[in-house]
Protein backbone atom coordinates (compact mmCIF):
# COMPACT_ATOMS: atom_id res chain seq x y z
CA UNK A 1 98.49 74.42 81.90
CA UNK A 2 96.16 76.58 79.83
CA UNK A 3 92.95 75.51 81.54
CA UNK A 4 91.56 79.04 81.84
CA UNK A 5 91.79 79.87 78.12
CA UNK A 6 88.32 79.76 76.54
CA UNK A 7 87.75 77.35 73.70
CA UNK A 8 85.40 77.70 70.75
CA UNK A 9 82.74 75.75 72.64
CA UNK A 10 82.98 78.14 75.60
CA UNK A 11 82.17 81.05 73.31
CA UNK A 12 79.00 79.35 72.09
CA UNK A 13 77.37 79.55 75.52
CA UNK A 14 75.29 82.50 76.68
CA UNK A 15 78.30 84.57 77.67
CA UNK A 16 80.25 84.39 74.41
CA UNK A 17 79.55 85.31 70.79
CA UNK A 18 75.87 84.51 71.11
CA UNK A 19 75.46 87.14 73.81
CA UNK A 20 77.39 89.67 71.75
CA UNK A 21 75.31 89.09 68.64
CA UNK A 22 72.09 90.06 70.43
CA UNK A 23 72.89 93.74 70.01
CA UNK A 24 71.23 95.52 67.11
CA UNK A 25 73.65 98.37 66.53
CA UNK A 26 76.63 97.36 64.38
CA UNK A 27 78.98 99.84 66.08
CA UNK A 28 78.10 98.59 69.56
CA UNK A 29 78.47 94.99 68.39
CA UNK A 30 81.97 95.67 67.05
CA UNK A 31 82.91 97.54 70.21
CA UNK A 32 81.68 94.70 72.44
CA UNK A 33 83.35 92.14 70.20
CA UNK A 34 86.63 94.07 70.39
CA UNK A 35 86.34 94.23 74.20
CA UNK A 36 85.65 90.49 74.31
CA UNK A 37 88.78 89.87 72.24
CA UNK A 38 90.84 92.12 74.53
CA UNK A 39 89.67 90.24 77.62
CA UNK A 40 90.83 86.93 76.21
CA UNK A 41 94.02 87.99 74.45
CA UNK A 42 95.79 90.66 76.46
CA UNK A 43 99.56 90.72 76.09
CA UNK A 44 101.41 91.98 79.18
CA UNK A 45 104.53 94.10 79.30
CA UNK A 46 106.00 93.43 82.73
CA UNK A 47 107.98 96.33 84.18
CA UNK A 48 109.54 94.83 87.32
CA UNK A 49 112.10 96.51 89.47
CA UNK A 50 111.72 94.81 92.86
CA UNK A 51 110.30 91.98 94.93
CA UNK A 52 106.61 92.25 93.95
CA UNK A 53 107.33 90.43 90.72
CA UNK A 54 107.78 87.20 92.64
CA UNK A 55 104.19 87.42 93.86
CA UNK A 56 102.58 87.69 90.45
CA UNK A 57 105.02 86.27 87.93
CA UNK A 58 103.84 82.75 88.75
CA UNK A 59 100.36 83.73 87.51
CA UNK A 60 101.54 84.65 84.02
CA UNK A 61 104.39 82.18 83.71
CA UNK A 62 102.13 79.43 82.44
CA UNK A 63 99.73 81.61 80.44
CA UNK A 64 102.53 82.88 78.21
CA UNK A 65 104.49 79.69 77.68
CA UNK A 66 106.16 81.05 74.52
CA UNK A 67 108.32 83.32 76.66
CA UNK A 68 110.14 80.24 77.90
CA UNK A 69 111.51 79.72 74.41
CA UNK A 70 112.33 83.35 73.67
CA UNK A 71 114.76 85.12 75.98
CA UNK A 72 113.50 88.59 75.08
CA UNK A 73 110.26 90.10 76.23
CA UNK A 74 107.61 91.24 73.76
CA UNK A 75 108.09 94.89 72.84
CA UNK A 76 105.80 97.55 74.26
CA UNK A 77 104.32 98.20 70.81
CA UNK A 78 102.70 94.75 70.90
CA UNK A 79 101.52 94.88 74.51
CA UNK A 80 98.23 96.25 75.77
CA UNK A 81 98.69 95.53 79.46
CA UNK A 82 101.42 97.17 81.56
CA UNK A 83 102.35 95.70 84.95
CA UNK A 84 104.36 98.06 87.15
CA UNK A 85 105.88 96.36 90.16
CA UNK A 86 108.57 97.73 92.39
CA UNK A 87 110.24 101.01 93.12
CA UNK A 88 110.32 103.63 90.37
CA UNK A 89 113.05 106.20 90.79
CA UNK A 90 113.47 109.50 88.94
CA UNK A 91 116.14 108.05 86.66
CA UNK A 92 113.87 105.17 85.61
CA UNK A 93 110.73 107.28 85.18
CA UNK A 94 111.53 108.56 81.63
CA UNK A 95 112.03 104.98 80.44
CA UNK A 96 108.69 103.96 81.96
CA UNK A 97 106.92 106.93 80.35
CA UNK A 98 108.50 106.09 76.98
CA UNK A 99 107.35 102.48 77.34
CA UNK A 100 103.82 103.65 78.13
CA UNK A 101 103.76 105.98 75.11
CA UNK A 102 104.92 103.18 72.77
CA UNK A 103 101.97 101.00 73.73
CA UNK A 104 98.87 100.94 71.50
CA UNK A 105 95.96 103.31 72.06
CA UNK A 106 93.90 100.76 73.99
CA UNK A 107 96.00 99.92 77.03
CA UNK A 108 95.57 99.08 80.68
CA UNK A 109 97.97 99.67 83.57
CA UNK A 110 98.22 97.65 86.78
CA UNK A 111 100.36 99.01 89.64
CA UNK A 112 101.33 96.21 92.00
CA UNK A 113 102.62 96.76 95.51
CA UNK A 114 103.27 99.72 97.76
CA UNK A 115 106.31 101.00 95.86
CA UNK A 116 104.65 102.31 92.69
CA UNK A 117 101.68 103.61 94.70
CA UNK A 118 103.43 105.37 97.59
CA UNK A 119 107.18 104.88 97.26
CA UNK A 120 107.09 101.91 99.60
CA UNK A 121 109.47 101.82 102.57
CA UNK A 122 111.91 104.14 100.82
CA UNK A 123 112.03 107.76 101.93
CA UNK A 124 114.27 109.46 99.42
CA UNK A 125 114.16 112.42 97.07
CA UNK A 126 114.76 110.25 94.01
CA UNK A 127 111.80 107.86 94.51
CA UNK A 128 108.55 108.48 92.61
CA UNK A 129 105.92 108.36 95.34
CA UNK A 130 102.80 107.99 93.18
CA UNK A 131 103.02 106.62 89.64
CA UNK A 132 99.41 107.63 88.93
CA UNK A 133 100.55 111.26 88.73
CA UNK A 134 102.46 110.33 85.55
CA UNK A 135 100.55 107.36 84.10
CA UNK A 136 96.82 106.66 84.43
CA UNK A 137 96.50 103.49 86.51
CA UNK A 138 93.51 101.19 85.97
CA UNK A 139 94.08 98.81 88.88
CA UNK A 140 96.16 99.53 91.97
CA UNK A 141 96.97 96.57 94.23
CA UNK A 142 98.21 97.62 97.66
CA UNK A 143 100.52 95.58 99.86
CA UNK A 144 104.18 94.97 100.44
CA UNK A 145 104.12 92.53 98.73
CA UNK A 146 100.44 92.01 97.91
CA UNK A 147 98.90 88.63 98.60
CA UNK A 148 98.34 86.33 95.60
CA UNK A 149 94.60 86.29 96.40
CA UNK A 150 94.52 90.09 96.10
CA UNK A 151 96.30 89.89 92.77
CA UNK A 152 93.80 87.29 91.50
CA UNK A 153 90.87 89.47 92.61
CA UNK A 154 92.41 92.48 90.88
CA UNK A 155 92.93 90.52 87.65
CA UNK A 156 89.27 89.49 87.74
CA UNK A 157 88.30 93.13 88.21
CA UNK A 158 90.60 94.11 85.34
CA UNK A 159 88.91 91.57 83.04
CA UNK A 160 85.54 93.06 83.96
CA UNK A 161 86.83 96.57 83.19
CA UNK A 162 88.24 95.44 79.84
CA UNK A 163 84.95 93.69 78.96
CA UNK A 164 83.08 96.92 79.76
CA UNK A 165 85.55 98.96 77.71
CA UNK A 166 86.65 101.05 80.71
CA UNK A 167 90.18 102.49 80.58
CA UNK A 168 91.85 105.01 82.87
CA UNK A 169 93.66 106.53 79.90
CA UNK A 170 90.46 107.81 78.30
């Protein structure tokens, strides 16, 4: 099930370590090497509150097979990728902000669906209408729920942003 995980031989082609080692500056080499590691080893913290999780949980179910053996989710301190899917209300917002603050310095945020981006179909005083006012969002995927193809395209874009070292939190 882990067909998309690069092997040692994949890194020996022109897009792996060999490409990274062509830089002359040691600092830029280490930065690019760190970005390359982050692209291939991101650990998600999934913050689901509604139906959008069904659309993208299948994508990460097989990539993180260890979670099938452990009932608990990895803590935020060990995660560098935050998925926000579903409605965020005012009572839940402090917990989400605390989770974001516990994450390491290098972190990426993906908001999935209409609910975290605009409040979704809910018109109420207690619904957070735009999560990007509180947390810098790297990738926003619109839709209610978004199509799996849109999620795949956004994950490809996220990998490109991580490889370039681009973060919304900087």
